[in-house]
Amino acid sequence: MTPRKLEYGVIPPDADAAFVAHMELVLDTYALPYDCLYPVLNMDEQPIPLLKETRAPIPATKDHPRRVDYEYERAGTASIFMFCEALVGWRQVSVRERRTKVDWALEVAELLRTRYRDAVKVIVVCDNRNTHTIGAFYEAFDPETARALVRRSEFRHTPKHGSWLNVAECELGAMTRQCVQGRRFATIEELRVETAAWQDYTNDKQRSVDRQFRTDDARNRLKSLYPKIKT
């Protein structure tokens, strides 16, 4: 069977025990009360094409919107990393040239050293992309440093076809619509400036994330995903 689409997004075939196990782990994580020593951090990422204008845009006037030529020149790609701590209404947007294991490890390590330096352990919810592994720390740092970072982090992966469970994916979608979509960025620096402005504005507003879908809801509304137990 192929994956189906419901109101939540793409979901797997019926009776998928692995899916529901990871789904309930993530949903239980979201139900945890806030604890600054064990904060819950979501992360997601996406590539963005860099596009240069081939002709200078015509500025907007009172009679016409800004006009841009349909032609453009490709200038490579960039990768946006979105981190979100939903319970406190905080998010961070980072832009890098790539999204390799090392890039990911460097981003997580920086947060552990700065914002979460006093935390005992950070619970990170992310998808199961092959770059999101504890082994990535060992590709970026010496063994002693890598092991110290692993001790202070716990990764809870969303299931395959379950990226819609990731709060950071929702934040990334909002940022894309409000800041990136329909615009051309010629350099990584330009993209960094604009995404940083979105980040600061959104954090200043302290827009929290109200995720109301819980384990009981999953068991009632997604019954077909749960294996039928023979008695």
Protein backbone atom coordinates (compact mmCIF):
# COMPACT_ATOMS: atom_id res chain seq x y z
CA MET A 1 0.00 0.00 0.00
CA THR A 2 1.10 3.56 -0.61
CA PRO A 3 0.85 6.39 1.91
CA ARG A 4 -2.47 8.21 2.15
CA LYS A 5 -3.31 11.86 2.78
CA LEU A 6 -5.54 13.05 5.60
CA GLU A 7 -6.08 16.43 7.24
CA TYR A 8 -2.78 16.05 9.10
CA GLY A 9 -0.70 15.43 5.99
CA VAL A 10 0.82 12.25 4.60
CA ILE A 11 0.27 9.25 6.85
CA PRO A 12 1.34 5.61 6.45
CA PRO A 13 -0.71 2.53 5.59
CA ASP A 14 -3.03 0.98 8.17
CA ALA A 15 -1.73 -0.86 11.23
CA ASP A 16 1.75 0.63 11.37
CA ALA A 17 3.10 -0.12 14.85
CA ALA A 18 6.40 1.70 14.30
CA PHE A 19 4.58 4.86 13.21
CA VAL A 20 2.24 4.98 16.20
CA ALA A 21 5.07 4.20 18.64
CA HIS A 22 7.12 7.18 17.43
CA MET A 23 4.01 9.36 17.13
CA GLU A 24 2.99 8.73 20.74
CA LEU A 25 6.55 9.34 21.95
CA VAL A 26 6.53 12.74 20.26
CA LEU A 27 3.04 13.61 21.50
CA ASP A 28 3.97 12.64 25.07
CA THR A 29 7.05 14.85 24.73
CA TYR A 30 4.85 17.82 23.83
CA ALA A 31 2.71 17.15 26.92
CA LEU A 32 5.67 17.58 29.26
CA PRO A 33 5.55 20.70 31.51
CA TYR A 34 8.19 23.33 30.92
CA ASP A 35 11.50 22.58 32.62
CA CYS A 36 14.47 24.83 31.94
CA LEU A 37 16.82 22.00 32.90
CA TYR A 38 15.23 19.65 30.33
CA PRO A 39 13.87 21.92 27.58
CA VAL A 40 12.13 20.53 24.49
CA LEU A 41 13.56 21.85 21.24
CA ASN A 42 12.19 21.21 17.75
CA MET A 43 14.27 21.52 14.59
CA ASP A 44 13.73 21.28 10.86
CA GLU A 45 15.55 22.42 7.74
CA GLN A 46 15.02 23.12 4.06
CA PRO A 47 17.06 24.12 1.00
CA ILE A 48 16.50 27.51 -0.64
CA PRO A 49 17.63 28.36 -4.20
CA LEU A 50 19.70 31.52 -4.57
CA LEU A 51 18.63 33.58 -7.59
CA LYS A 52 20.25 36.68 -9.06
CA GLU A 53 18.30 39.27 -11.02
CA THR A 54 19.39 39.63 -14.66
CA ARG A 55 17.71 43.04 -14.93
CA ALA A 56 17.24 45.68 -12.28
CA PRO A 57 13.71 45.58 -10.80
CA ILE A 58 11.50 48.61 -11.34
CA PRO A 59 10.62 50.18 -7.96
CA ALA A 60 7.02 50.36 -6.87
CA THR A 61 5.00 53.56 -7.37
CA LYS A 62 1.60 54.67 -6.15
CA ASP A 63 0.15 53.30 -9.38
CA HIS A 64 2.16 50.09 -9.88
CA PRO A 65 3.65 47.42 -7.63
CA ARG A 66 7.35 46.60 -7.82
CA ARG A 67 8.06 44.88 -11.13
CA VAL A 68 10.60 42.08 -11.57
CA ASP A 69 11.71 40.46 -14.81
CA TYR A 70 10.81 36.79 -15.14
CA GLU A 71 14.38 35.87 -16.06
CA TYR A 72 16.95 35.16 -13.35
CA GLU A 73 20.36 33.58 -12.87
CA ARG A 74 20.86 30.61 -10.58
CA ALA A 75 23.47 31.28 -7.87
CA GLY A 76 23.53 27.96 -6.00
CA THR A 77 21.55 27.01 -2.92
CA ALA A 78 21.47 27.69 0.79
CA SER A 79 20.02 25.71 3.69
CA ILE A 80 17.78 27.12 6.39
CA PHE A 81 17.85 25.55 9.86
CA MET A 82 14.82 26.26 12.05
CA PHE A 83 14.95 25.71 15.81
CA CYS A 84 11.86 26.27 17.94
CA GLU A 85 11.18 26.02 21.66
CA ALA A 86 7.40 26.01 21.53
CA LEU A 87 6.61 26.39 25.24
CA VAL A 88 8.40 29.73 25.50
CA GLY A 89 7.63 31.09 22.03
CA TRP A 90 11.25 31.16 20.87
CA ARG A 91 12.70 30.31 17.49
CA GLN A 92 16.08 30.65 15.79
CA VAL A 93 16.76 30.69 12.05
CA SER A 94 20.25 29.85 10.79
CA VAL A 95 21.40 29.88 7.18
CA ARG A 96 24.30 27.74 5.98
CA GLU A 97 25.71 26.76 2.60
CA ARG A 98 24.91 23.08 3.13
CA ARG A 99 22.94 20.79 5.41
CA THR A 100 25.40 17.97 5.96
CA LYS A 101 25.88 15.99 9.18
CA VAL A 102 28.63 18.38 10.20
CA ASP A 103 26.46 21.45 9.56
CA TRP A 104 23.69 19.97 11.67
CA ALA A 105 26.05 18.97 14.49
CA LEU A 106 27.60 22.45 14.57
CA GLU A 107 24.18 24.09 14.84
CA VAL A 108 23.01 21.85 17.69
CA ALA A 109 26.34 22.12 19.51
CA GLU A 110 26.23 25.91 19.38
CA LEU A 111 22.82 25.94 21.06
CA LEU A 112 24.01 23.53 23.75
CA ARG A 113 26.94 25.85 24.46
CA THR A 114 24.95 29.09 24.49
CA ARG A 115 21.19 29.19 25.06
CA TYR A 116 21.14 25.80 26.77
CA ARG A 117 24.49 25.92 28.56
CA ASP A 118 22.78 25.45 31.96
CA ALA A 119 20.44 22.67 30.84
CA VAL A 120 21.10 19.14 32.06
CA LYS A 121 19.76 17.65 28.84
CA VAL A 122 17.98 19.07 25.79
CA ILE A 123 15.25 16.94 24.22
CA VAL A 124 15.41 17.49 20.46
CA VAL A 125 12.44 16.56 18.30
CA CYS A 126 13.31 16.25 14.61
CA ASP A 127 12.67 14.02 11.61
CA ASN A 128 14.68 10.87 10.98
CA ARG A 129 16.84 12.28 8.20
CA ASN A 130 20.19 10.46 8.08
CA THR A 131 22.06 13.61 9.11
CA HIS A 132 20.18 13.83 12.43
CA THR A 133 22.17 11.26 14.39
CA ILE A 134 24.48 11.30 17.38
CA GLY A 135 27.22 10.02 15.07
CA ALA A 136 27.19 13.43 13.40
CA PHE A 137 28.86 14.89 16.49
CA TYR A 138 31.80 12.56 15.97
CA GLU A 139 32.20 13.80 12.40
CA ALA A 140 32.36 17.40 13.62
CA PHE A 141 34.29 17.18 16.91
CA ASP A 142 36.96 15.20 18.70
CA PRO A 143 35.65 12.15 20.63
CA GLU A 144 35.71 13.81 24.05
CA THR A 145 33.74 16.83 22.87
CA ALA A 146 31.35 14.68 20.84
CA ARG A 147 30.60 12.41 23.79
CA ALA A 148 29.94 15.40 26.05
CA LEU A 149 27.44 16.75 23.52
CA VAL A 150 25.73 13.37 23.21
CA ARG A 151 25.33 13.14 26.99
CA ARG A 152 23.51 16.49 27.02
CA SER A 153 21.09 15.73 24.20
CA GLU A 154 18.25 13.27 23.65
CA PHE A 155 16.76 12.89 20.17
CA ARG A 156 13.15 11.89 19.59
CA HIS A 157 12.46 11.37 15.91
CA THR A 158 9.14 11.82 14.21
CA PRO A 159 8.06 8.69 12.29
CA LYS A 160 8.38 8.25 8.56
CA HIS A 161 5.47 10.10 6.89
CA GLY A 162 5.01 11.94 10.19
CA SER A 163 6.95 15.17 9.71
CA TRP A 164 3.65 17.02 10.32
CA LEU A 165 4.18 16.14 13.99
CA ASN A 166 7.19 18.46 14.12
CA VAL A 167 6.42 21.94 15.46
CA ALA A 168 9.52 23.28 13.71
CA GLU A 169 8.09 22.24 10.35
CA CYS A 170 5.06 24.44 11.04
CA GLU A 171 7.34 27.34 12.03
CA LEU A 172 9.46 26.80 8.93
CA GLY A 173 6.34 26.87 6.79
CA ALA A 174 5.21 30.13 8.40
CA MET A 175 8.63 31.72 7.91
CA THR A 176 8.72 30.60 4.27
CA ARG A 177 5.30 32.12 3.53
CA GLN A 178 5.93 35.36 5.42
CA CYS A 179 9.57 36.00 4.54
CA VAL A 180 10.92 33.92 1.64
CA GLN A 181 8.15 32.87 -0.72
CA GLY A 182 7.95 34.85 -3.94
CA ARG A 183 11.25 36.63 -3.34
CA ARG A 184 14.70 36.25 -4.88
CA PHE A 185 17.87 36.19 -2.81
CA ALA A 186 21.17 36.45 -4.66
CA THR A 187 23.44 35.65 -1.71
CA ILE A 188 23.39 33.82 1.60
CA GLU A 189 24.06 37.14 3.35
CA GLU A 190 20.84 38.63 1.95
CA LEU A 191 18.88 35.58 3.08
CA ARG A 192 20.43 35.75 6.54
CA VAL A 193 19.46 39.40 6.98
CA GLU A 194 15.83 38.79 6.04
CA THR A 195 15.36 35.59 8.04
CA ALA A 196 17.03 37.18 11.08
CA ALA A 197 14.56 40.07 10.85
CA TRP A 198 11.65 37.58 10.75
CA GLN A 199 13.13 35.69 13.72
CA ASP A 200 13.55 38.83 15.85
CA TYR A 201 10.09 40.18 15.00
CA THR A 202 8.39 36.86 15.75
CA ASN A 203 10.28 36.37 19.01
CA ASP A 204 9.46 39.92 20.11
CA LYS A 205 5.79 39.09 19.64
CA GLN A 206 6.31 35.97 21.80
CA ARG A 207 4.04 33.95 19.55
CA SER A 208 3.76 30.61 21.30
CA VAL A 209 2.69 27.33 19.70
CA ASP A 210 -0.66 25.90 20.79
CA ARG A 211 -0.52 22.26 19.72
CA GLN A 212 -3.78 20.61 20.76
CA PHE A 213 -3.39 17.22 19.06
CA ARG A 214 -2.63 14.75 21.86
CA THR A 215 -2.22 11.01 22.33
CA ASP A 216 -5.91 10.46 23.12
CA ASP A 217 -6.83 12.36 19.95
CA ALA A 218 -4.50 10.16 17.91
CA ARG A 219 -6.03 6.98 19.31
CA ASN A 220 -9.55 8.20 18.54
CA ARG A 221 -9.04 9.92 15.21
CA LEU A 222 -6.33 7.74 13.67
CA LYS A 223 -7.56 4.33 14.79
CA SER A 224 -6.69 2.70 11.49
CA LEU A 225 -3.00 3.28 12.14
CA TYR A 226 -3.02 1.12 15.26
CA PRO A 227 -2.55 -2.65 14.85
CA LYS A 228 -5.58 -4.73 15.76
CA ILE A 229 -4.72 -6.98 18.68
CA LYS A 230 -6.09 -10.50 18.38
CA THR A 231 -7.44 -11.91 21.64
